[in-house]
N, C-alpha and C. Protein backbone atom coordinates (compact mmCIF):
# COMPACT_ATOMS: atom_id res chain seq x y z
N MET A 1 67.43 97.14 97.32
CA MET A 1 66.74 96.18 98.16
C MET A 1 65.40 96.79 98.63
N ASP A 2 64.36 96.01 98.35
CA ASP A 2 62.96 96.51 98.67
C ASP A 2 62.75 97.88 98.16
N GLY A 3 63.24 98.16 96.91
CA GLY A 3 62.97 99.44 96.32
C GLY A 3 63.87 100.54 96.64
N LYS A 4 64.89 100.30 97.55
CA LYS A 4 65.82 101.28 97.99
C LYS A 4 67.21 100.98 97.40
N GLN A 5 67.88 102.02 96.88
CA GLN A 5 69.22 101.84 96.39
C GLN A 5 70.22 101.69 97.62
N VAL A 6 70.97 100.62 97.55
CA VAL A 6 71.93 100.42 98.67
C VAL A 6 73.33 100.51 98.23
N ILE A 7 73.68 100.43 96.94
CA ILE A 7 75.02 100.59 96.39
C ILE A 7 74.97 101.09 94.97
N ASN A 8 75.88 101.84 94.56
CA ASN A 8 75.95 102.44 93.25
C ASN A 8 77.45 102.55 92.82
N GLN A 9 77.75 101.89 91.76
CA GLN A 9 79.12 101.97 91.23
C GLN A 9 79.02 102.23 89.70
N ILE A 10 79.21 103.39 89.28
CA ILE A 10 79.12 103.76 87.88
C ILE A 10 80.41 103.44 87.14
N HIS A 11 80.33 102.79 85.99
CA HIS A 11 81.51 102.50 85.19
C HIS A 11 82.67 101.89 86.04
N ALA A 12 82.35 100.71 86.60
CA ALA A 12 83.29 100.13 87.57
C ALA A 12 84.33 99.23 86.96
N GLU A 13 84.28 98.96 85.73
CA GLU A 13 85.27 98.03 85.19
C GLU A 13 86.72 98.54 85.50
N GLY A 14 87.48 97.59 86.02
CA GLY A 14 88.92 97.96 86.47
C GLY A 14 88.97 98.48 87.84
N GLN A 15 87.88 98.68 88.48
CA GLN A 15 87.90 99.20 89.83
C GLN A 15 87.73 98.11 90.86
N VAL A 16 88.08 98.30 92.03
CA VAL A 16 87.75 97.36 93.11
C VAL A 16 86.25 97.41 93.30
N PRO A 17 85.56 96.31 93.21
CA PRO A 17 84.12 96.38 93.36
C PRO A 17 83.74 96.89 94.70
N LYS A 18 82.62 97.72 94.75
CA LYS A 18 82.05 98.19 95.97
C LYS A 18 81.26 96.99 96.61
N TYR A 19 81.04 97.10 97.85
CA TYR A 19 80.21 96.21 98.55
C TYR A 19 79.37 96.90 99.60
N THR A 20 78.40 96.24 100.10
CA THR A 20 77.58 96.87 101.16
C THR A 20 77.23 95.76 102.18
N SER A 21 77.01 96.19 103.42
CA SER A 21 76.50 95.24 104.43
C SER A 21 75.11 95.69 104.79
N LEU A 22 74.31 94.64 104.86
CA LEU A 22 72.82 94.88 105.19
C LEU A 22 72.52 94.07 106.43
N ASP A 23 71.66 94.58 107.29
CA ASP A 23 71.12 93.82 108.43
C ASP A 23 69.89 93.11 108.00
N LEU A 24 69.99 91.77 108.00
CA LEU A 24 68.77 90.92 107.61
C LEU A 24 68.51 90.01 108.76
N ALA A 25 67.28 89.56 108.86
CA ALA A 25 66.88 88.57 109.94
C ALA A 25 66.53 87.35 109.24
N ALA A 26 66.76 86.20 110.03
CA ALA A 26 66.34 84.94 109.57
C ALA A 26 64.92 84.83 109.25
N GLY A 27 64.62 84.31 108.00
CA GLY A 27 63.18 84.19 107.60
C GLY A 27 62.68 85.48 106.88
N GLN A 28 63.44 86.52 106.88
CA GLN A 28 63.04 87.79 106.31
C GLN A 28 63.11 87.72 104.79
N THR A 29 62.09 88.07 104.10
CA THR A 29 61.99 88.05 102.64
C THR A 29 62.29 89.48 102.19
N VAL A 30 63.29 89.57 101.21
CA VAL A 30 63.56 90.86 100.65
C VAL A 30 63.58 90.77 99.10
N SER A 31 63.32 91.83 98.44
CA SER A 31 63.25 91.89 97.01
C SER A 31 64.62 92.63 96.57
N LEU A 32 65.40 91.90 95.79
CA LEU A 32 66.67 92.55 95.31
C LEU A 32 66.53 92.68 93.73
N GLN A 33 67.14 93.87 93.38
CA GLN A 33 67.20 94.14 91.88
C GLN A 33 68.58 94.70 91.62
N ALA A 34 69.23 94.15 90.63
CA ALA A 34 70.56 94.56 90.29
C ALA A 34 70.52 95.08 88.82
N ASP A 35 70.84 96.34 88.59
CA ASP A 35 70.91 96.94 87.29
C ASP A 35 72.39 97.11 86.93
N TYR A 36 72.70 96.47 85.77
CA TYR A 36 74.11 96.46 85.37
C TYR A 36 74.25 96.92 83.89
N LEU A 37 74.95 97.95 83.64
CA LEU A 37 75.10 98.55 82.28
C LEU A 37 76.63 98.43 82.01
N PRO A 38 77.17 97.41 81.28
CA PRO A 38 78.63 97.34 81.03
C PRO A 38 79.19 98.58 80.36
N HIS A 39 80.37 98.97 80.69
CA HIS A 39 81.06 100.09 80.18
C HIS A 39 82.14 99.67 79.24
N ALA A 40 82.68 98.39 79.36
CA ALA A 40 83.71 97.92 78.49
C ALA A 40 83.51 96.43 78.21
N ALA A 41 84.17 96.01 77.18
CA ALA A 41 84.15 94.61 76.79
C ALA A 41 84.81 93.76 77.80
N GLY A 42 84.27 92.53 78.01
CA GLY A 42 84.82 91.62 78.91
C GLY A 42 84.42 91.93 80.38
N SER A 43 83.37 92.69 80.55
CA SER A 43 82.86 93.07 81.91
C SER A 43 82.33 91.83 82.60
N ARG A 44 82.41 91.97 83.95
CA ARG A 44 81.82 90.90 84.81
C ARG A 44 80.95 91.57 85.91
N PHE A 45 79.98 90.76 86.31
CA PHE A 45 79.09 91.21 87.32
C PHE A 45 78.99 89.98 88.30
N GLY A 46 79.08 90.35 89.59
CA GLY A 46 78.97 89.29 90.56
C GLY A 46 78.05 89.75 91.69
N PHE A 47 77.50 88.74 92.32
CA PHE A 47 76.59 89.04 93.52
C PHE A 47 76.71 87.88 94.48
N GLY A 48 76.85 88.17 95.76
CA GLY A 48 76.94 87.12 96.69
C GLY A 48 76.44 87.57 98.10
N ILE A 49 76.09 86.62 98.88
CA ILE A 49 75.56 86.92 100.26
C ILE A 49 76.44 86.06 101.17
N ALA A 50 76.90 86.73 102.18
CA ALA A 50 77.65 85.99 103.26
C ALA A 50 77.35 86.72 104.61
N TYR A 51 77.39 85.86 105.64
CA TYR A 51 77.08 86.37 106.94
C TYR A 51 78.48 86.86 107.57
N GLU A 52 78.65 88.13 107.69
CA GLU A 52 79.86 88.75 108.05
C GLU A 52 80.60 88.16 109.28
N PRO A 53 79.86 87.89 110.38
CA PRO A 53 80.51 87.31 111.53
C PRO A 53 81.12 85.95 111.28
N ASP A 54 80.69 85.31 110.26
CA ASP A 54 81.29 83.94 109.93
C ASP A 54 82.58 84.05 109.10
N LEU A 55 83.00 85.23 108.75
CA LEU A 55 84.11 85.34 107.91
C LEU A 55 85.42 84.94 108.51
N VAL A 56 85.51 85.06 109.82
CA VAL A 56 86.73 84.79 110.62
C VAL A 56 86.42 83.53 111.40
N SER A 57 87.19 82.51 111.19
CA SER A 57 86.90 81.17 111.80
C SER A 57 87.19 81.26 113.34
N ALA A 58 86.56 80.36 114.02
CA ALA A 58 86.78 80.25 115.48
C ALA A 58 88.20 79.87 115.81
N ASP A 59 88.78 79.11 114.95
CA ASP A 59 90.24 78.73 115.14
C ASP A 59 91.13 79.99 115.06
N ALA A 60 90.83 80.88 114.09
CA ALA A 60 91.67 82.12 113.95
C ALA A 60 91.52 82.98 115.24
N LYS A 61 90.27 83.08 115.67
CA LYS A 61 90.07 83.92 116.90
C LYS A 61 90.78 83.24 118.05
N GLN A 62 90.67 82.01 118.21
CA GLN A 62 91.29 81.29 119.32
C GLN A 62 92.84 81.49 119.35
N ILE A 63 93.44 81.28 118.15
CA ILE A 63 94.87 81.51 118.01
C ILE A 63 95.28 82.94 118.33
N ALA A 64 94.46 83.86 117.86
CA ALA A 64 94.73 85.30 118.19
C ALA A 64 94.68 85.55 119.70
N SER A 65 93.67 84.95 120.34
CA SER A 65 93.52 85.20 121.79
C SER A 65 94.62 84.62 122.64
N LEU A 66 95.36 83.65 122.13
CA LEU A 66 96.54 83.00 122.79
C LEU A 66 97.85 83.69 122.52
N ALA A 67 97.89 84.53 121.56
CA ALA A 67 99.13 85.17 121.23
C ALA A 67 99.42 86.39 122.16
N ASP A 68 100.74 86.63 122.29
CA ASP A 68 101.18 87.84 123.05
C ASP A 68 100.70 89.17 122.36
N ALA A 69 100.76 89.08 121.08
CA ALA A 69 100.31 90.20 120.25
C ALA A 69 100.03 89.69 118.85
N VAL A 70 99.22 90.42 118.01
CA VAL A 70 98.93 90.05 116.68
C VAL A 70 99.31 91.16 115.82
N VAL A 71 99.94 90.81 114.67
CA VAL A 71 100.25 91.77 113.64
C VAL A 71 99.36 91.35 112.47
N LEU A 72 98.42 92.17 112.09
CA LEU A 72 97.52 91.92 111.03
C LEU A 72 97.75 92.74 109.84
N ALA A 73 98.11 92.12 108.76
CA ALA A 73 98.39 92.86 107.49
C ALA A 73 97.14 92.86 106.58
N VAL A 74 96.73 94.06 106.25
CA VAL A 74 95.53 94.22 105.43
C VAL A 74 95.78 95.35 104.37
N GLY A 75 94.86 95.52 103.50
CA GLY A 75 95.02 96.64 102.58
C GLY A 75 94.78 96.16 101.18
N PHE A 76 95.55 96.80 100.25
CA PHE A 76 95.38 96.64 98.82
C PHE A 76 96.60 95.91 98.28
N ASN A 77 96.39 95.43 97.04
CA ASN A 77 97.52 94.75 96.31
C ASN A 77 97.39 95.15 94.78
N PRO A 78 98.25 94.77 93.95
CA PRO A 78 98.20 95.22 92.53
C PRO A 78 96.80 94.89 91.89
N PRO A 79 96.15 93.80 92.06
CA PRO A 79 94.86 93.66 91.43
C PRO A 79 93.79 94.57 92.00
N THR A 80 93.90 95.10 93.21
CA THR A 80 92.81 95.95 93.75
C THR A 80 93.22 97.39 93.74
N GLU A 81 94.45 97.73 93.42
CA GLU A 81 94.84 99.15 93.34
C GLU A 81 96.02 99.31 92.45
N GLY A 82 95.93 100.29 91.52
CA GLY A 82 97.00 100.44 90.57
C GLY A 82 96.70 101.66 89.62
N GLU A 83 97.62 101.89 88.77
CA GLU A 83 97.50 102.98 87.82
C GLU A 83 96.29 102.68 86.78
N GLY A 84 95.66 103.69 86.40
CA GLY A 84 94.62 103.54 85.35
C GLY A 84 93.21 103.20 85.85
N HIS A 85 93.07 103.07 87.15
CA HIS A 85 91.69 102.88 87.70
C HIS A 85 91.68 103.38 89.16
N ASP A 86 90.49 103.69 89.55
CA ASP A 86 90.30 104.11 90.95
C ASP A 86 89.98 102.92 91.75
N ARG A 87 90.16 103.15 93.03
CA ARG A 87 89.72 102.11 93.98
C ARG A 87 88.82 102.84 95.07
N THR A 88 88.09 101.99 95.75
CA THR A 88 87.17 102.51 96.77
C THR A 88 88.05 103.01 97.95
N PHE A 89 87.42 103.87 98.74
CA PHE A 89 88.01 104.33 99.96
C PHE A 89 87.99 103.30 101.03
N THR A 90 86.99 102.35 100.98
CA THR A 90 86.87 101.27 101.90
C THR A 90 87.89 100.19 101.64
N LEU A 91 88.26 99.42 102.68
CA LEU A 91 89.14 98.29 102.43
C LEU A 91 88.36 97.19 101.68
N PRO A 92 89.15 96.27 100.94
CA PRO A 92 88.44 95.25 100.30
C PRO A 92 87.52 94.43 101.24
N TRP A 93 86.49 93.84 100.69
CA TRP A 93 85.48 93.21 101.43
C TRP A 93 86.05 92.18 102.47
N GLY A 94 85.49 92.26 103.65
CA GLY A 94 85.88 91.30 104.67
C GLY A 94 86.96 91.65 105.58
N GLN A 95 87.78 92.70 105.14
CA GLN A 95 88.99 93.07 105.94
C GLN A 95 88.59 93.87 107.19
N ASP A 96 87.62 94.67 107.11
CA ASP A 96 87.13 95.41 108.38
C ASP A 96 86.59 94.37 109.39
N ALA A 97 85.82 93.36 108.88
CA ALA A 97 85.31 92.35 109.80
C ALA A 97 86.49 91.49 110.40
N LEU A 98 87.51 91.22 109.65
CA LEU A 98 88.62 90.49 110.08
C LEU A 98 89.35 91.29 111.23
N ILE A 99 89.57 92.57 111.01
CA ILE A 99 90.24 93.40 112.03
C ILE A 99 89.45 93.47 113.31
N GLU A 100 88.17 93.65 113.19
CA GLU A 100 87.27 93.70 114.32
C GLU A 100 87.31 92.43 115.12
N ALA A 101 87.23 91.36 114.45
CA ALA A 101 87.15 90.00 115.09
C ALA A 101 88.48 89.67 115.78
N ILE A 102 89.58 89.94 115.21
CA ILE A 102 90.90 89.69 115.79
C ILE A 102 91.20 90.59 116.91
N ALA A 103 90.84 91.91 116.78
CA ALA A 103 91.05 92.89 117.79
C ALA A 103 90.16 92.56 119.01
N ALA A 104 88.98 92.02 118.81
CA ALA A 104 88.12 91.66 119.90
C ALA A 104 88.76 90.41 120.66
N ALA A 105 89.42 89.50 119.94
CA ALA A 105 90.06 88.36 120.51
C ALA A 105 91.37 88.71 121.23
N ASN A 106 92.07 89.69 120.73
CA ASN A 106 93.37 90.07 121.32
C ASN A 106 93.45 91.60 121.27
N PRO A 107 93.35 92.25 122.33
CA PRO A 107 93.46 93.77 122.40
C PRO A 107 94.85 94.32 122.03
N ARG A 108 95.81 93.45 121.89
CA ARG A 108 97.09 93.89 121.40
C ARG A 108 97.33 93.57 119.91
N THR A 109 96.32 93.91 119.15
CA THR A 109 96.39 93.70 117.60
C THR A 109 96.90 94.94 117.02
N ILE A 110 97.98 94.80 116.27
CA ILE A 110 98.55 95.85 115.48
C ILE A 110 98.17 95.73 114.02
N VAL A 111 97.66 96.76 113.47
CA VAL A 111 97.26 96.67 112.01
C VAL A 111 98.31 97.34 111.17
N THR A 112 98.70 96.62 110.07
CA THR A 112 99.59 97.25 109.08
C THR A 112 98.72 97.36 107.83
N LEU A 113 98.62 98.61 107.23
CA LEU A 113 97.89 98.84 106.10
C LEU A 113 98.81 99.00 104.87
N THR A 114 98.51 98.30 103.79
CA THR A 114 99.28 98.40 102.58
C THR A 114 98.29 99.16 101.60
N GLY A 115 98.80 100.24 100.99
CA GLY A 115 98.06 100.89 99.98
C GLY A 115 98.69 102.22 99.62
N GLY A 116 98.29 102.82 98.48
CA GLY A 116 98.92 103.96 97.94
C GLY A 116 98.22 105.25 98.41
N GLY A 117 97.35 105.16 99.31
CA GLY A 117 96.63 106.40 99.77
C GLY A 117 95.83 106.07 101.08
N GLY A 118 95.05 106.98 101.37
CA GLY A 118 94.21 106.84 102.52
C GLY A 118 93.09 105.84 102.36
N MET A 119 92.60 105.25 103.47
CA MET A 119 91.46 104.40 103.45
C MET A 119 90.68 104.54 104.67
N ASP A 120 89.45 104.05 104.67
CA ASP A 120 88.58 104.17 105.81
C ASP A 120 88.97 103.26 106.94
N THR A 121 89.26 103.88 108.11
CA THR A 121 89.63 103.09 109.25
C THR A 121 88.66 103.29 110.43
N ARG A 122 87.56 104.04 110.15
CA ARG A 122 86.64 104.44 111.21
C ARG A 122 86.01 103.25 111.98
N ARG A 123 85.78 102.14 111.25
CA ARG A 123 85.08 101.08 111.88
C ARG A 123 85.81 100.35 113.00
N TRP A 124 87.14 100.46 112.93
CA TRP A 124 87.94 99.74 113.96
C TRP A 124 89.19 100.50 114.51
N LEU A 125 89.44 101.72 114.11
CA LEU A 125 90.63 102.34 114.57
C LEU A 125 90.70 102.47 116.07
N ASP A 126 89.62 102.80 116.76
CA ASP A 126 89.63 102.94 118.16
C ASP A 126 89.68 101.56 118.92
N LYS A 127 89.65 100.48 118.19
CA LYS A 127 89.76 99.10 118.88
C LYS A 127 91.10 98.55 118.74
N VAL A 128 92.13 99.19 118.15
CA VAL A 128 93.46 98.66 118.03
C VAL A 128 94.44 99.71 118.67
N PRO A 129 95.55 99.23 119.23
CA PRO A 129 96.45 100.12 119.91
C PRO A 129 97.43 100.75 118.91
N ALA A 130 97.60 100.16 117.74
CA ALA A 130 98.61 100.67 116.77
C ALA A 130 98.22 100.45 115.37
N LEU A 131 98.51 101.40 114.54
CA LEU A 131 98.29 101.28 113.03
C LEU A 131 99.53 101.78 112.36
N LEU A 132 100.00 100.95 111.42
CA LEU A 132 101.21 101.34 110.70
C LEU A 132 100.88 101.31 109.22
N HIS A 133 100.87 102.45 108.53
CA HIS A 133 100.62 102.51 107.09
C HIS A 133 101.94 102.30 106.38
N THR A 134 102.00 101.17 105.66
CA THR A 134 103.31 100.79 105.03
C THR A 134 103.42 101.27 103.63
N TRP A 135 102.38 101.76 102.99
CA TRP A 135 102.38 102.18 101.51
C TRP A 135 102.66 100.88 100.76
N TYR A 136 103.52 100.88 99.84
CA TYR A 136 103.99 99.67 99.13
C TYR A 136 105.47 99.51 99.45
N PRO A 137 105.86 98.79 100.43
CA PRO A 137 107.24 98.89 100.97
C PRO A 137 108.24 98.06 100.14
N GLY A 138 107.95 97.26 99.22
CA GLY A 138 108.90 96.56 98.40
C GLY A 138 109.43 95.29 99.12
N GLN A 139 110.40 94.68 98.50
CA GLN A 139 110.85 93.30 98.96
C GLN A 139 111.40 93.28 100.39
N GLU A 140 111.83 94.42 100.90
CA GLU A 140 112.40 94.48 102.24
C GLU A 140 111.34 95.01 103.20
N GLY A 141 110.05 95.09 102.75
CA GLY A 141 109.14 95.70 103.57
C GLY A 141 108.86 94.96 104.89
N GLY A 142 108.92 93.54 104.86
CA GLY A 142 108.74 92.81 106.06
C GLY A 142 109.82 93.10 107.08
N THR A 143 111.06 93.20 106.61
CA THR A 143 112.16 93.58 107.48
C THR A 143 111.90 94.95 108.14
N ALA A 144 111.54 95.90 107.29
CA ALA A 144 111.27 97.29 107.74
C ALA A 144 110.18 97.27 108.84
N VAL A 145 109.09 96.56 108.62
CA VAL A 145 108.02 96.49 109.56
C VAL A 145 108.45 95.83 110.83
N ALA A 146 109.18 94.77 110.78
CA ALA A 146 109.67 94.08 111.96
C ALA A 146 110.61 94.95 112.78
N GLN A 147 111.48 95.77 112.11
CA GLN A 147 112.39 96.66 112.84
C GLN A 147 111.59 97.77 113.49
N ILE A 148 110.52 98.24 112.93
CA ILE A 148 109.70 99.23 113.57
C ILE A 148 108.95 98.65 114.77
N LEU A 149 108.37 97.46 114.59
CA LEU A 149 107.52 96.85 115.61
C LEU A 149 108.42 96.47 116.82
N PHE A 150 109.70 96.09 116.62
CA PHE A 150 110.58 95.68 117.68
C PHE A 150 111.43 96.83 118.27
N GLY A 151 111.10 98.06 117.81
CA GLY A 151 111.73 99.27 118.35
C GLY A 151 113.09 99.66 117.81
N LYS A 152 113.55 99.02 116.77
CA LYS A 152 114.89 99.35 116.24
C LYS A 152 114.76 100.70 115.53
N TYR A 153 113.71 101.00 114.88
CA TYR A 153 113.54 102.33 114.22
C TYR A 153 112.17 102.88 114.56
N ASP A 154 112.11 104.20 114.65
CA ASP A 154 110.86 104.92 114.97
C ASP A 154 110.30 105.48 113.59
N PRO A 155 109.10 105.16 113.25
CA PRO A 155 108.58 105.60 111.92
C PRO A 155 108.12 107.08 112.05
N GLU A 156 108.95 107.90 112.44
CA GLU A 156 108.60 109.33 112.56
C GLU A 156 108.94 110.09 111.35
N GLY A 157 108.41 111.29 111.23
CA GLY A 157 108.69 112.16 110.13
C GLY A 157 107.49 112.96 109.75
N LYS A 158 107.72 113.86 108.83
CA LYS A 158 106.66 114.73 108.35
C LYS A 158 106.10 114.14 107.02
N LEU A 159 104.80 113.94 106.98
CA LEU A 159 104.25 113.38 105.82
C LEU A 159 103.93 114.45 104.74
N PRO A 160 104.05 114.19 103.42
CA PRO A 160 103.67 115.17 102.43
C PRO A 160 102.17 115.07 102.07
N VAL A 161 101.41 114.22 102.83
CA VAL A 161 99.98 114.03 102.50
C VAL A 161 99.18 114.10 103.86
N SER A 162 97.89 114.27 103.70
CA SER A 162 96.89 114.22 104.75
C SER A 162 96.12 112.98 104.61
N PHE A 163 95.61 112.47 105.72
CA PHE A 163 94.76 111.23 105.69
C PHE A 163 93.33 111.74 106.01
N ASP A 164 92.38 111.56 105.13
CA ASP A 164 90.99 111.88 105.33
C ASP A 164 90.34 110.83 106.27
N ARG A 165 89.54 111.33 107.21
CA ARG A 165 88.91 110.33 108.04
C ARG A 165 87.77 109.67 107.28
N SER A 166 87.11 110.31 106.43
CA SER A 166 85.96 109.76 105.58
C SER A 166 86.20 110.24 104.18
N TRP A 167 85.49 109.44 103.29
CA TRP A 167 85.48 109.82 101.85
C TRP A 167 85.00 111.22 101.65
N GLU A 168 84.00 111.60 102.41
CA GLU A 168 83.36 112.92 102.27
C GLU A 168 84.31 114.07 102.58
N ASP A 169 85.38 113.80 103.33
CA ASP A 169 86.42 114.78 103.64
C ASP A 169 87.41 115.06 102.44
N ASN A 170 87.45 114.10 101.53
CA ASN A 170 88.38 114.17 100.42
C ASN A 170 87.89 115.09 99.37
N PRO A 171 88.78 116.02 98.86
CA PRO A 171 88.35 116.98 97.79
C PRO A 171 87.82 116.19 96.52
N SER A 172 88.23 115.00 96.29
CA SER A 172 87.74 114.25 95.19
C SER A 172 86.32 113.90 95.29
N TYR A 173 85.75 113.83 96.46
CA TYR A 173 84.38 113.52 96.79
C TYR A 173 83.48 114.53 96.00
């Protein structure tokens, strides 16, 4: 944008596409250039612009504000994470904005993360009272999450992994 690189994703076919957020002003003119070099047959390229605060409807925020508590399920799924391709450390586009908007509407917002590894939570972690990483819990995952949230079970234990606060903390970086 305006001669500065704002995103770079080398050989991205099969990966979750990266995205970036830019601060723009009404009436501002910018020059955009996208360079795309396909790495595999059947490649796709997409580009879109959306105003992030408009991603979460006023109705959703209103409903969240009226609830005793909100359980917000975010993260990855088979199309965005799986064997044979890497995924980004960031959540899929729009999910950070969703968490921030709902947590602002209801301070008792509990976030459940689905994914096979760590992900970036820095943007909103201090705005929610609870985070539950569910990994990929299977067909009884909803039951397990409900039992944890209602206090029937305590999700305690020793993890065989560490969670990086940022991508730069990960040895793969």
